[in-house]
């Protein structure tokens, strides 16, 4: 019999130094977005 389970999904955030210079708040914005996605998938 096959066991039913939720799939495992990974989230990888990639940042480049240029973003930090041009948009210093982008890291916190992306963190907030990632937390919302995780909450919806949990």
N, C-alpha and C. Protein backbone atom coordinates (compact mmCIF):
# COMPACT_ATOMS: atom_id res chain seq x y z
N UNK A 1 0.84 -1.19 0.00
CA UNK A 1 0.00 0.00 0.00
C UNK A 1 0.88 1.25 0.00
N UNK A 2 0.51 2.25 -0.76
CA UNK A 2 1.30 3.48 -0.87
C UNK A 2 0.84 4.47 0.21
N UNK A 3 1.82 4.97 0.94
CA UNK A 3 1.53 5.96 1.99
C UNK A 3 1.38 7.34 1.37
N UNK A 4 0.32 8.05 1.74
CA UNK A 4 0.12 9.41 1.23
C UNK A 4 0.78 10.40 2.17
N UNK A 5 1.63 11.25 1.61
CA UNK A 5 2.30 12.29 2.39
C UNK A 5 2.36 13.56 1.56
N UNK A 6 2.52 14.67 2.28
CA UNK A 6 2.71 15.94 1.58
C UNK A 6 4.09 15.95 0.94
N UNK A 7 4.21 16.53 -0.23
CA UNK A 7 5.54 16.64 -0.85
C UNK A 7 6.41 17.61 -0.07
N UNK A 8 7.70 17.42 -0.16
CA UNK A 8 8.65 18.34 0.45
C UNK A 8 9.03 19.39 -0.59
N UNK A 9 8.93 20.63 -0.18
CA UNK A 9 9.25 21.73 -1.08
C UNK A 9 10.33 22.57 -0.44
N UNK A 10 11.38 22.88 -1.20
CA UNK A 10 12.45 23.73 -0.69
C UNK A 10 12.33 25.14 -1.24
N UNK A 11 12.84 26.08 -0.47
CA UNK A 11 12.81 27.47 -0.89
C UNK A 11 14.23 28.01 -0.75
N UNK A 12 14.78 28.44 -1.85
CA UNK A 12 16.16 28.92 -1.86
C UNK A 12 16.17 30.39 -2.25
N UNK A 13 16.63 31.20 -1.33
CA UNK A 13 16.72 32.63 -1.62
C UNK A 13 18.12 32.97 -2.13
N UNK A 14 18.19 33.62 -3.25
CA UNK A 14 19.48 34.00 -3.83
C UNK A 14 19.54 35.52 -3.91
N UNK A 15 20.57 36.09 -3.35
CA UNK A 15 20.72 37.54 -3.36
C UNK A 15 22.06 37.91 -3.99
N UNK A 16 22.08 39.03 -4.63
CA UNK A 16 23.30 39.57 -5.21
C UNK A 16 23.61 40.89 -4.53
N UNK A 17 24.86 41.20 -4.36
CA UNK A 17 25.27 42.42 -3.69
C UNK A 17 24.68 43.68 -4.29
N UNK A 18 24.47 43.69 -5.59
CA UNK A 18 23.91 44.87 -6.24
C UNK A 18 22.52 45.21 -5.70
N UNK A 19 21.72 44.19 -5.41
CA UNK A 19 20.40 44.44 -4.85
C UNK A 19 20.50 45.13 -3.50
N UNK A 20 21.45 44.70 -2.68
CA UNK A 20 21.63 45.31 -1.36
C UNK A 20 21.95 46.79 -1.48
N UNK A 21 22.70 47.16 -2.50
CA UNK A 21 23.06 48.56 -2.69
C UNK A 21 21.88 49.38 -3.21
N UNK A 22 21.17 48.85 -4.18
CA UNK A 22 20.09 49.59 -4.83
C UNK A 22 18.77 49.55 -4.06
N UNK A 23 18.50 48.44 -3.40
CA UNK A 23 17.26 48.27 -2.64
C UNK A 23 17.58 47.64 -1.29
N UNK A 24 18.02 48.44 -0.32
CA UNK A 24 18.45 47.88 0.97
C UNK A 24 17.36 47.11 1.71
N UNK A 25 16.10 47.39 1.45
CA UNK A 25 15.02 46.70 2.15
C UNK A 25 14.55 45.42 1.45
N UNK A 26 15.17 45.06 0.36
CA UNK A 26 14.69 43.91 -0.42
C UNK A 26 14.80 42.59 0.35
N UNK A 27 15.81 42.45 1.19
CA UNK A 27 15.98 41.21 1.95
C UNK A 27 14.79 40.99 2.87
N UNK A 28 14.39 42.01 3.60
CA UNK A 28 13.25 41.86 4.51
C UNK A 28 11.94 41.66 3.74
N UNK A 29 11.80 42.30 2.60
CA UNK A 29 10.60 42.11 1.77
C UNK A 29 10.51 40.67 1.27
N UNK A 30 11.63 40.13 0.82
CA UNK A 30 11.64 38.75 0.33
C UNK A 30 11.43 37.76 1.46
N UNK A 31 11.95 38.08 2.64
CA UNK A 31 11.71 37.21 3.79
C UNK A 31 10.22 37.16 4.11
N UNK A 32 9.57 38.31 4.10
CA UNK A 32 8.13 38.35 4.36
C UNK A 32 7.35 37.53 3.34
N UNK A 33 7.73 37.66 2.08
CA UNK A 33 7.08 36.89 1.02
C UNK A 33 7.28 35.39 1.25
N UNK A 34 8.51 35.00 1.56
CA UNK A 34 8.81 33.58 1.79
C UNK A 34 8.02 33.04 2.97
N UNK A 35 7.90 33.82 4.02
CA UNK A 35 7.12 33.37 5.19
C UNK A 35 5.64 33.18 4.83
N UNK A 36 5.09 34.04 3.99
CA UNK A 36 3.70 33.90 3.56
C UNK A 36 3.52 32.63 2.72
N UNK A 37 4.46 32.37 1.84
CA UNK A 37 4.39 31.16 1.01
C UNK A 37 4.45 29.92 1.89
N UNK A 38 5.38 29.90 2.84
CA UNK A 38 5.53 28.75 3.73
C UNK A 38 4.26 28.55 4.55
N UNK A 39 3.68 29.63 5.05
CA UNK A 39 2.46 29.52 5.85
C UNK A 39 1.31 28.93 5.02
N UNK A 40 1.22 29.30 3.76
CA UNK A 40 0.16 28.78 2.90
C UNK A 40 0.36 27.30 2.57
N UNK A 41 1.61 26.88 2.49
CA UNK A 41 1.90 25.49 2.13
C UNK A 41 1.91 24.55 3.33
N UNK A 42 1.99 25.10 4.53
CA UNK A 42 2.08 24.26 5.74
C UNK A 42 0.76 23.58 6.04
